[in-house]
Protein backbone atom coordinates (compact mmCIF):
# COMPACT_ATOMS: atom_id res chain seq x y z
CA MET A 1 -15.83 4.79 15.41
CA SER A 2 -12.42 2.81 14.55
CA ILE A 3 -11.78 -0.53 13.65
CA LYS A 4 -8.51 -1.83 13.66
CA ILE A 5 -7.14 -4.67 11.38
CA THR A 6 -4.13 -6.98 11.96
CA VAL A 7 -2.58 -8.21 9.03
CA LEU A 8 -1.01 -11.43 10.21
CA LYS A 9 0.55 -12.58 7.48
CA ASN A 10 1.75 -11.25 4.28
CA GLU A 11 1.05 -14.70 2.41
CA ILE A 12 -1.21 -14.72 0.22
CA ASP A 13 -4.45 -17.60 0.29
CA GLU A 14 -5.33 -18.12 -3.18
CA ARG A 15 -8.52 -20.64 -4.75
CA VAL A 16 -9.74 -21.56 -7.90
CA GLY A 17 -12.65 -23.02 -8.66
CA SER A 18 -16.10 -23.61 -10.76
CA PHE A 19 -19.19 -23.77 -10.73
CA LYS A 20 -21.89 -24.84 -12.32
CA ASN A 21 -25.00 -21.06 -12.59
CA GLU A 22 -28.37 -21.52 -12.99
CA LYS A 23 -28.15 -21.49 -16.33
CA GLY A 24 -25.45 -24.90 -16.12
CA GLU A 25 -22.98 -22.96 -17.68
CA ASP A 26 -19.39 -23.41 -16.03
CA VAL A 27 -18.44 -19.51 -13.65
CA LYS A 28 -15.00 -19.92 -12.76
CA PHE A 29 -13.85 -18.16 -9.34
CA THR A 30 -10.56 -16.65 -7.79
CA THR A 31 -10.25 -15.70 -3.93
CA ARG A 32 -7.77 -13.94 -2.23
CA LYS A 33 -7.23 -13.61 1.61
CA GLN A 34 -4.86 -12.39 4.08
CA LYS A 35 -4.96 -13.77 7.80
CA ALA A 36 -5.72 -11.13 10.14
CA LYS A 37 -7.74 -10.01 12.80
CA LEU A 38 -9.64 -7.38 13.63
CA GLU A 39 -10.14 -5.74 16.99
CA THR A 40 -13.62 -3.16 18.45
CA ALA A 41 -15.20 -2.26 21.61
CA GLY A 42 -12.32 -4.45 23.17
CA PHE A 43 -12.57 -7.62 21.58
CA ALA A 44 -10.74 -8.97 19.10
CA TYR A 45 -11.94 -11.96 15.84
CA PRO A 46 -10.52 -12.95 13.44
CA PHE A 47 -10.50 -11.93 10.29
CA ASP A 48 -9.61 -12.88 6.38
CA VAL A 49 -8.56 -9.72 4.30
CA ARG A 50 -10.67 -10.15 0.63
CA LEU A 51 -8.50 -9.54 -2.64
CA GLU A 52 -9.15 -8.20 -5.60
CA ASP A 53 -7.87 -10.90 -8.44
CA GLY A 54 -4.76 -8.79 -8.86
CA GLN A 55 -4.45 -6.74 -5.88
CA SER A 56 -1.09 -7.02 -3.57
CA GLY A 57 -1.66 -8.01 0.15
CA TYR A 58 -1.18 -5.40 2.35
CA PRO A 59 3.24 -5.78 4.57
CA GLU A 60 1.92 -7.14 8.19
CA GLY A 61 1.02 -4.15 10.47
CA GLU A 62 -1.36 -2.97 11.99
CA TYR A 63 -4.19 -0.77 9.88
CA GLU A 64 -7.78 0.91 10.18
CA LEU A 65 -10.29 -0.59 8.33
CA ASP A 66 -11.39 2.11 5.57
CA VAL A 67 -15.99 1.93 6.07
CA GLU A 68 -15.71 4.71 3.40
CA SER A 69 -14.38 3.36 0.39
CA MET A 70 -15.49 -0.08 0.77
CA LEU A 71 -19.55 2.13 0.74
CA GLN A 72 -21.34 1.13 -1.98
CA VAL A 73 -24.70 2.53 -2.32
CA ASN A 74 -27.37 1.21 -5.01
CA LYS A 75 -30.86 2.24 -5.63
CA GLY A 76 -31.05 3.79 -2.07
CA VAL A 77 -29.91 1.02 -0.20
CA ALA A 78 -26.09 1.21 1.12
CA SER A 79 -23.66 -2.09 1.49
CA LEU A 80 -19.65 -3.13 1.79
CA SER A 81 -18.18 -4.83 -0.97
CA LYS A 82 -16.65 -7.86 -0.99
CA PHE A 83 -13.41 -6.57 -0.89
CA THR A 84 -11.30 -5.01 2.18
CA VAL A 85 -9.78 -1.56 1.82
CA LEU A 86 -7.37 -0.55 4.81
CA ARG A 87 -5.79 2.07 6.17
CA MET A 88 -2.24 1.88 7.42
CA LEU A 89 -1.95 3.55 10.93
CA PRO A 90 -0.19 6.36 12.34
CA LYS A 91 3.47 4.85 14.12
CA ALA A 92 3.02 6.38 17.51
CA ALA A 93 6.44 8.53 18.17
CA PRO A 94 8.86 7.21 20.21
CA ARG A 95 9.18 8.19 23.69
CA VAL A 96 11.99 10.26 24.97
CA ALA A 97 13.46 8.52 28.51
CA ALA A 98 13.06 10.85 30.84
CA GLN A 99 15.54 12.56 32.78
CA GLY A 100 16.89 12.00 36.41
């Protein structure tokens, strides 16, 4: 099964904040996202591509969600990383006009 992701904007939306954890300590965080759309089973959905701190953004274009690279297994439980990994889709070869 292939999940197509189209990155719509090069810009990265970065937000910085903090919260208090259960010990009352301040914890700082940064979220970094790019706007995209996810297409699967004939439907398209808005999708945020989450980036790790310092990771370069993806150029606008069409990609495939690299689920295998995002898979994490811990004590026999499989989950996906919260950070998105994309693989560039191969470009279609240009069509040659029919001669007639």
